[in-house]
Amino acid sequence: MSERLEAHVLLLIGDQAEITTPHRDHTDPERVPVDRLVRETGLAREELAGADLVAVVSDDGRLERFERA
């Protein structure tokens, strides 16, 4: 069973986005490819920084996909 978590895009660094969740704060953000976020959420690259998203997490803790909040 998958879990859904609030996620926030802190900033973009090159082709990576730094994402915070309840399990990873700003001191240890998750890094996710920008192209993946654009593909999964439909948001343009320019809209990602500061965006609130929903992260779908698998049973083993992997971020399976992202959706618009």
PDB file of N, CA and C in Angstrom:
ATOM      1  N   MET A   1       0.847  -1.189   0.000  1.00  0.00           N
ATOM      2  CA  MET A   1       0.000   0.000   0.000  1.00  0.00           C
ATOM      3  C   MET A   1       0.882   1.239   0.000  1.00  0.00           C
ATOM      4  N   SER A   2       0.592   2.178  -0.867  1.00  0.00           N
ATOM      5  CA  SER A   2       1.373   3.404  -0.985  1.00  0.00           C
ATOM      6  C   SER A   2       0.909   4.444   0.021  1.00  0.00           C
ATOM      7  N   GLU A   3       1.824   5.305   0.393  1.00  0.00           N
ATOM      8  CA  GLU A   3       1.540   6.407   1.299  1.00  0.00           C
ATOM      9  C   GLU A   3       1.627   7.697   0.497  1.00  0.00           C
ATOM     10  N   ARG A   4       0.821   8.678   0.848  1.00  0.00           N
ATOM     11  CA  ARG A   4       0.844   9.978   0.190  1.00  0.00           C
ATOM     12  C   ARG A   4       1.337  10.998   1.200  1.00  0.00           C
ATOM     13  N   LEU A   5       2.335  11.783   0.789  1.00  0.00           N
ATOM     14  CA  LEU A   5       2.931  12.774   1.668  1.00  0.00           C
ATOM     15  C   LEU A   5       2.911  14.157   1.024  1.00  0.00           C
ATOM     16  N   GLU A   6       2.821  15.180   1.856  1.00  0.00           N
ATOM     17  CA  GLU A   6       3.007  16.536   1.354  1.00  0.00           C
ATOM     18  C   GLU A   6       4.469  16.683   0.967  1.00  0.00           C
ATOM     19  N   ALA A   7       4.711  17.361  -0.149  1.00  0.00           N
ATOM     20  CA  ALA A   7       6.069  17.618  -0.613  1.00  0.00           C
ATOM     21  C   ALA A   7       6.151  19.065  -1.075  1.00  0.00           C
ATOM     22  N   HIS A   8       7.322  19.659  -0.901  1.00  0.00           N
ATOM     23  CA  HIS A   8       7.526  21.054  -1.288  1.00  0.00           C
ATOM     24  C   HIS A   8       8.836  21.155  -2.051  1.00  0.00           C
ATOM     25  N   VAL A   9       8.799  21.825  -3.197  1.00  0.00           N
ATOM     26  CA  VAL A   9      10.010  22.036  -3.991  1.00  0.00           C
ATOM     27  C   VAL A   9      10.709  23.279  -3.445  1.00  0.00           C
ATOM     28  N   LEU A  10      11.871  23.067  -2.827  1.00  0.00           N
ATOM     29  CA  LEU A  10      12.622  24.199  -2.289  1.00  0.00           C
ATOM     30  C   LEU A  10      13.224  25.044  -3.397  1.00  0.00           C
ATOM     31  N   LEU A  11      13.989  24.389  -4.270  1.00  0.00           N
ATOM     32  CA  LEU A  11      14.683  25.098  -5.332  1.00  0.00           C
ATOM     33  C   LEU A  11      15.173  24.129  -6.375  1.00  0.00           C
ATOM     34  N   LEU A  12      15.611  24.679  -7.496  1.00  0.00           N
ATOM     35  CA  LEU A  12      16.176  23.884  -8.577  1.00  0.00           C
ATOM     36  C   LEU A  12      17.664  24.172  -8.664  1.00  0.00           C
ATOM     37  N   ILE A  13      18.440  23.108  -8.835  1.00  0.00           N
ATOM     38  CA  ILE A  13      19.889  23.232  -9.008  1.00  0.00           C
ATOM     39  C   ILE A  13      20.235  22.455 -10.268  1.00  0.00           C
ATOM     40  N   GLY A  14      20.451  23.175 -11.354  1.00  0.00           N
ATOM     41  CA  GLY A  14      20.721  22.500 -12.619  1.00  0.00           C
ATOM     42  C   GLY A  14      19.537  21.645 -13.026  1.00  0.00           C
ATOM     43  N   ASP A  15      19.777  20.353 -13.216  1.00  0.00           N
ATOM     44  CA  ASP A  15      18.708  19.453 -13.637  1.00  0.00           C
ATOM     45  C   ASP A  15      18.070  18.708 -12.464  1.00  0.00           C
ATOM     46  N   GLN A  16      18.355  19.144 -11.227  1.00  0.00           N
ATOM     47  CA  GLN A  16      17.807  18.516 -10.026  1.00  0.00           C
ATOM     48  C   GLN A  16      16.939  19.499  -9.236  1.00  0.00           C
ATOM     49  N   ALA A  17      15.904  18.964  -8.585  1.00  0.00           N
ATOM     50  CA  ALA A  17      15.063  19.750  -7.687  1.00  0.00           C
ATOM     51  C   ALA A  17      15.274  19.227  -6.275  1.00  0.00           C
ATOM     52  N   GLU A  18      15.331  20.127  -5.315  1.00  0.00           N
ATOM     53  CA  GLU A  18      15.416  19.728  -3.914  1.00  0.00           C
ATOM     54  C   GLU A  18      14.017  19.755  -3.334  1.00  0.00           C
ATOM     55  N   ILE A  19      13.594  18.607  -2.784  1.00  0.00           N
ATOM     56  CA  ILE A  19      12.234  18.391  -2.299  1.00  0.00           C
ATOM     57  C   ILE A  19      12.259  18.085  -0.807  1.00  0.00           C
ATOM     58  N   THR A  20      11.358  18.730  -0.059  1.00  0.00           N
ATOM     59  CA  THR A  20      11.198  18.380   1.351  1.00  0.00           C
ATOM     60  C   THR A  20       9.884  17.620   1.517  1.00  0.00           C
ATOM     61  N   THR A  21       9.875  16.728   2.492  1.00  0.00           N
ATOM     62  CA  THR A  21       8.689  15.963   2.880  1.00  0.00           C
ATOM     63  C   THR A  21       8.689  15.911   4.403  1.00  0.00           C
ATOM     64  N   PRO A  22       7.665  15.366   5.018  1.00  0.00           N
ATOM     65  CA  PRO A  22       7.693  15.224   6.474  1.00  0.00           C
ATOM     66  C   PRO A  22       8.881  14.384   6.969  1.00  0.00           C
ATOM     67  N   HIS A  23       9.456  13.554   6.097  1.00  0.00           N
ATOM     68  CA  HIS A  23      10.584  12.707   6.491  1.00  0.00           C
ATOM     69  C   HIS A  23      11.940  13.297   6.121  1.00  0.00           C
ATOM     70  N   ARG A  24      11.971  14.296   5.250  1.00  0.00           N
ATOM     71  CA  ARG A  24      13.228  14.921   4.797  1.00  0.00           C
ATOM     72  C   ARG A  24      13.034  16.433   4.813  1.00  0.00           C
ATOM     73  N   ASP A  25      13.673  17.117   5.761  1.00  0.00           N
ATOM     74  CA  ASP A  25      13.509  18.569   5.851  1.00  0.00           C
ATOM     75  C   ASP A  25      14.570  19.287   5.015  1.00  0.00           C
ATOM     76  N   HIS A  26      14.637  20.611   5.179  1.00  0.00           N
ATOM     77  CA  HIS A  26      15.534  21.429   4.361  1.00  0.00           C
ATOM     78  C   HIS A  26      17.012  21.136   4.598  1.00  0.00           C
ATOM     79  N   THR A  27      17.350  20.497   5.696  1.00  0.00           N
ATOM     80  CA  THR A  27      18.758  20.175   5.955  1.00  0.00           C
ATOM     81  C   THR A  27      19.208  18.919   5.227  1.00  0.00           C
ATOM     82  N   ASP A  28      18.242  18.118   4.743  1.00  0.00           N
ATOM     83  CA  ASP A  28      18.550  16.872   4.025  1.00  0.00           C
ATOM     84  C   ASP A  28      17.461  16.590   2.986  1.00  0.00           C
ATOM     85  N   PRO A  29      17.296  17.510   2.015  1.00  0.00           N
ATOM     86  CA  PRO A  29      16.217  17.326   1.048  1.00  0.00           C
ATOM     87  C   PRO A  29      16.480  16.169   0.088  1.00  0.00           C
ATOM     88  N   GLU A  30      15.412  15.653  -0.453  1.00  0.00           N
ATOM     89  CA  GLU A  30      15.482  14.627  -1.492  1.00  0.00           C
ATOM     90  C   GLU A  30      15.804  15.332  -2.802  1.00  0.00           C
ATOM     91  N   ARG A  31      16.671  14.757  -3.609  1.00  0.00           N
ATOM     92  CA  ARG A  31      16.955  15.314  -4.937  1.00  0.00           C
ATOM     93  C   ARG A  31      16.241  14.483  -5.987  1.00  0.00           C
ATOM     94  N   VAL A  32      15.516  15.168  -6.856  1.00  0.00           N
ATOM     95  CA  VAL A  32      14.707  14.524  -7.885  1.00  0.00           C
ATOM     96  C   VAL A  32      14.979  15.227  -9.212  1.00  0.00           C
ATOM     97  N   PRO A  33      15.100  14.489 -10.307  1.00  0.00           N
ATOM     98  CA  PRO A  33      15.302  15.132 -11.610  1.00  0.00           C
ATOM     99  C   PRO A  33      14.141  16.067 -11.973  1.00  0.00           C
ATOM    100  N   VAL A  34      14.477  17.261 -12.426  1.00  0.00           N
ATOM    101  CA  VAL A  34      13.462  18.234 -12.832  1.00  0.00           C
ATOM    102  C   VAL A  34      12.579  17.663 -13.933  1.00  0.00           C
ATOM    103  N   ASP A  35      13.177  16.980 -14.906  1.00  0.00           N
ATOM    104  CA  ASP A  35      12.395  16.407 -16.010  1.00  0.00           C
ATOM    105  C   ASP A  35      11.309  15.466 -15.492  1.00  0.00           C
ATOM    106  N   ARG A  36      11.619  14.708 -14.458  1.00  0.00           N
ATOM    107  CA  ARG A  36      10.633  13.796 -13.879  1.00  0.00           C
ATOM    108  C   ARG A  36       9.459  14.568 -13.292  1.00  0.00           C
ATOM    109  N   LEU A  37       9.749  15.643 -12.552  1.00  0.00           N
ATOM    110  CA  LEU A  37       8.677  16.440 -11.952  1.00  0.00           C
ATOM    111  C   LEU A  37       7.805  17.084 -13.021  1.00  0.00           C
ATOM    112  N   VAL A  38       8.422  17.589 -14.074  1.00  0.00           N
ATOM    113  CA  VAL A  38       7.665  18.199 -15.172  1.00  0.00           C
ATOM    114  C   VAL A  38       6.751  17.155 -15.805  1.00  0.00           C
ATOM    115  N   ARG A  39       7.281  15.974 -16.081  1.00  0.00           N
ATOM    116  CA  ARG A  39       6.518  14.896 -16.713  1.00  0.00           C
ATOM    117  C   ARG A  39       5.357  14.424 -15.815  1.00  0.00           C
ATOM    118  N   GLU A  40       5.624  14.224 -14.528  1.00  0.00           N
ATOM    119  CA  GLU A  40       4.617  13.654 -13.637  1.00  0.00           C
ATOM    120  C   GLU A  40       3.561  14.652 -13.175  1.00  0.00           C
ATOM    121  N   THR A  41       3.930  15.932 -13.035  1.00  0.00           N
ATOM    122  CA  THR A  41       2.977  16.923 -12.516  1.00  0.00           C
ATOM    123  C   THR A  41       2.336  17.778 -13.604  1.00  0.00           C
ATOM    124  N   GLY A  42       2.995  17.875 -14.758  1.00  0.00           N
ATOM    125  CA  GLY A  42       2.498  18.750 -15.811  1.00  0.00           C
ATOM    126  C   GLY A  42       2.854  20.208 -15.598  1.00  0.00           C
ATOM    127  N   LEU A  43       3.587  20.504 -14.529  1.00  0.00           N
ATOM    128  CA  LEU A  43       4.026  21.876 -14.279  1.00  0.00           C
ATOM    129  C   LEU A  43       5.244  22.190 -15.147  1.00  0.00           C
ATOM    130  N   ALA A  44       5.357  23.435 -15.585  1.00  0.00           N
ATOM    131  CA  ALA A  44       6.529  23.871 -16.331  1.00  0.00           C
ATOM    132  C   ALA A  44       7.696  24.035 -15.359  1.00  0.00           C
ATOM    133  N   ARG A  45       8.907  23.901 -15.863  1.00  0.00           N
ATOM    134  CA  ARG A  45      10.107  24.061 -15.038  1.00  0.00           C
ATOM    135  C   ARG A  45      10.049  25.369 -14.232  1.00  0.00           C
ATOM    136  N   GLU A  46       9.585  26.434 -14.876  1.00  0.00           N
ATOM    137  CA  GLU A  46       9.541  27.759 -14.235  1.00  0.00           C
ATOM    138  C   GLU A  46       8.562  27.811 -13.067  1.00  0.00           C
ATOM    139  N   GLU A  47       7.638  26.861 -13.003  1.00  0.00           N
ATOM    140  CA  GLU A  47       6.635  26.835 -11.940  1.00  0.00           C
ATOM    141  C   GLU A  47       7.020  25.940 -10.761  1.00  0.00           C
ATOM    142  N   LEU A  48       8.105  25.197 -10.883  1.00  0.00           N
ATOM    143  CA  LEU A  48       8.432  24.192  -9.862  1.00  0.00           C
ATOM    144  C   LEU A  48       8.953  24.775  -8.550  1.00  0.00           C
ATOM    145  N   ALA A  49       9.895  25.709  -8.615  1.00  0.00           N
ATOM    146  CA  ALA A  49      10.458  26.252  -7.371  1.00  0.00           C
ATOM    147  C   ALA A  49       9.341  26.859  -6.527  1.00  0.00           C
ATOM    148  N   GLY A  50       9.186  26.370  -5.307  1.00  0.00           N
ATOM    149  CA  GLY A  50       8.158  26.848  -4.399  1.00  0.00           C
ATOM    150  C   GLY A  50       6.843  26.095  -4.489  1.00  0.00           C
ATOM    151  N   ALA A  51       6.739  25.158  -5.424  1.00  0.00           N
ATOM    152  CA  ALA A  51       5.485  24.429  -5.617  1.00  0.00           C
ATOM    153  C   ALA A  51       5.229  23.422  -4.495  1.00  0.00           C
ATOM    154  N   ASP A  52       3.966  23.298  -4.119  1.00  0.00           N
ATOM    155  CA  ASP A  52       3.527  22.263  -3.187  1.00  0.00           C
ATOM    156  C   ASP A  52       3.007  21.094  -4.008  1.00  0.00           C
ATOM    157  N   LEU A  53       3.487  19.904  -3.688  1.00  0.00           N
ATOM    158  CA  LEU A  53       3.125  18.700  -4.413  1.00  0.00           C
ATOM    159  C   LEU A  53       2.689  17.617  -3.440  1.00  0.00           C
ATOM    160  N   VAL A  54       2.251  16.505  -3.988  1.00  0.00           N
ATOM    161  CA  VAL A  54       1.982  15.291  -3.218  1.00  0.00           C
ATOM    162  C   VAL A  54       2.949  14.242  -3.734  1.00  0.00           C
ATOM    163  N   ALA A  55       3.674  13.611  -2.824  1.00  0.00           N
ATOM    164  CA  ALA A  55       4.585  12.524  -3.187  1.00  0.00           C
ATOM    165  C   ALA A  55       3.915  11.204  -2.819  1.00  0.00           C
ATOM    166  N   VAL A  56       3.908  10.281  -3.758  1.00  0.00           N
ATOM    167  CA  VAL A  56       3.390   8.942  -3.504  1.00  0.00           C
ATOM    168  C   VAL A  56       4.601   8.067  -3.216  1.00  0.00           C
ATOM    169  N   VAL A  57       4.612   7.459  -2.028  1.00  0.00           N
ATOM    170  CA  VAL A  57       5.758   6.700  -1.541  1.00  0.00           C
ATOM    171  C   VAL A  57       5.399   5.220  -1.475  1.00  0.00           C
ATOM    172  N   SER A  58       6.289   4.382  -1.986  1.00  0.00           N
ATOM    173  CA  SER A  58       6.056   2.938  -1.965  1.00  0.00           C
ATOM    174  C   SER A  58       6.282   2.381  -0.563  1.00  0.00           C
ATOM    175  N   ASP A  59       5.921   1.127  -0.371  1.00  0.00           N
ATOM    176  CA  ASP A  59       6.095   0.477   0.925  1.00  0.00           C
ATOM    177  C   ASP A  59       7.552   0.447   1.371  1.00  0.00           C
ATOM    178  N   ASP A  60       8.468   0.408   0.408  1.00  0.00           N
ATOM    179  CA  ASP A  60       9.889   0.376   0.767  1.00  0.00           C
ATOM    180  C   ASP A  60      10.509   1.777   0.866  1.00  0.00           C
ATOM    181  N   GLY A  61       9.678   2.835   0.838  1.00  0.00           N
ATOM    182  CA  GLY A  61      10.160   4.193   1.065  1.00  0.00           C
ATOM    183  C   GLY A  61      10.600   4.954  -0.171  1.00  0.00           C
ATOM    184  N   ARG A  62      10.481   4.342  -1.357  1.00  0.00           N
ATOM    185  CA  ARG A  62      10.869   5.040  -2.580  1.00  0.00           C
ATOM    186  C   ARG A  62       9.777   6.003  -3.012  1.00  0.00           C
ATOM    187  N   LEU A  63      10.186   7.152  -3.549  1.00  0.00           N
ATOM    188  CA  LEU A  63       9.232   8.105  -4.105  1.00  0.00           C
ATOM    189  C   LEU A  63       8.814   7.586  -5.465  1.00  0.00           C
ATOM    190  N   GLU A  64       7.574   7.073  -5.555  1.00  0.00           N
ATOM    191  CA  GLU A  64       7.087   6.468  -6.792  1.00  0.00           C
ATOM    192  C   GLU A  64       6.702   7.505  -7.830  1.00  0.00           C
ATOM    193  N   ARG A  65       6.015   8.548  -7.404  1.00  0.00           N
ATOM    194  CA  ARG A  65       5.611   9.594  -8.335  1.00  0.00           C
ATOM    195  C   ARG A  65       5.202  10.846  -7.566  1.00  0.00           C
ATOM    196  N   PHE A  66       5.052  11.919  -8.331  1.00  0.00           N
ATOM    197  CA  PHE A  66       4.625  13.195  -7.772  1.00  0.00           C
ATOM    198  C   PHE A  66       3.365  13.664  -8.482  1.00  0.00           C
ATOM    199  N   GLU A  67       2.503  14.338  -7.741  1.00  0.00           N
ATOM    200  CA  GLU A  67       1.258  14.874  -8.277  1.00  0.00           C
ATOM    201  C   GLU A  67       1.118  16.309  -7.791  1.00  0.00           C
ATOM    202  N   ARG A  68       0.297  17.067  -8.492  1.00  0.00           N
ATOM    203  CA  ARG A  68      -0.022  18.418  -8.011  1.00  0.00           C
ATOM    204  C   ARG A  68      -0.810  18.308  -6.711  1.00  0.00           C
ATOM    205  N   ALA A  69      -0.560  19.232  -5.820  1.00  0.00           N
ATOM    206  CA  ALA A  69      -1.275  19.230  -4.526  1.00  0.00           C
ATOM    207  C   ALA A  69      -2.693  19.708  -4.700  1.00  0.00           C
TER     208      ALA A  69
END
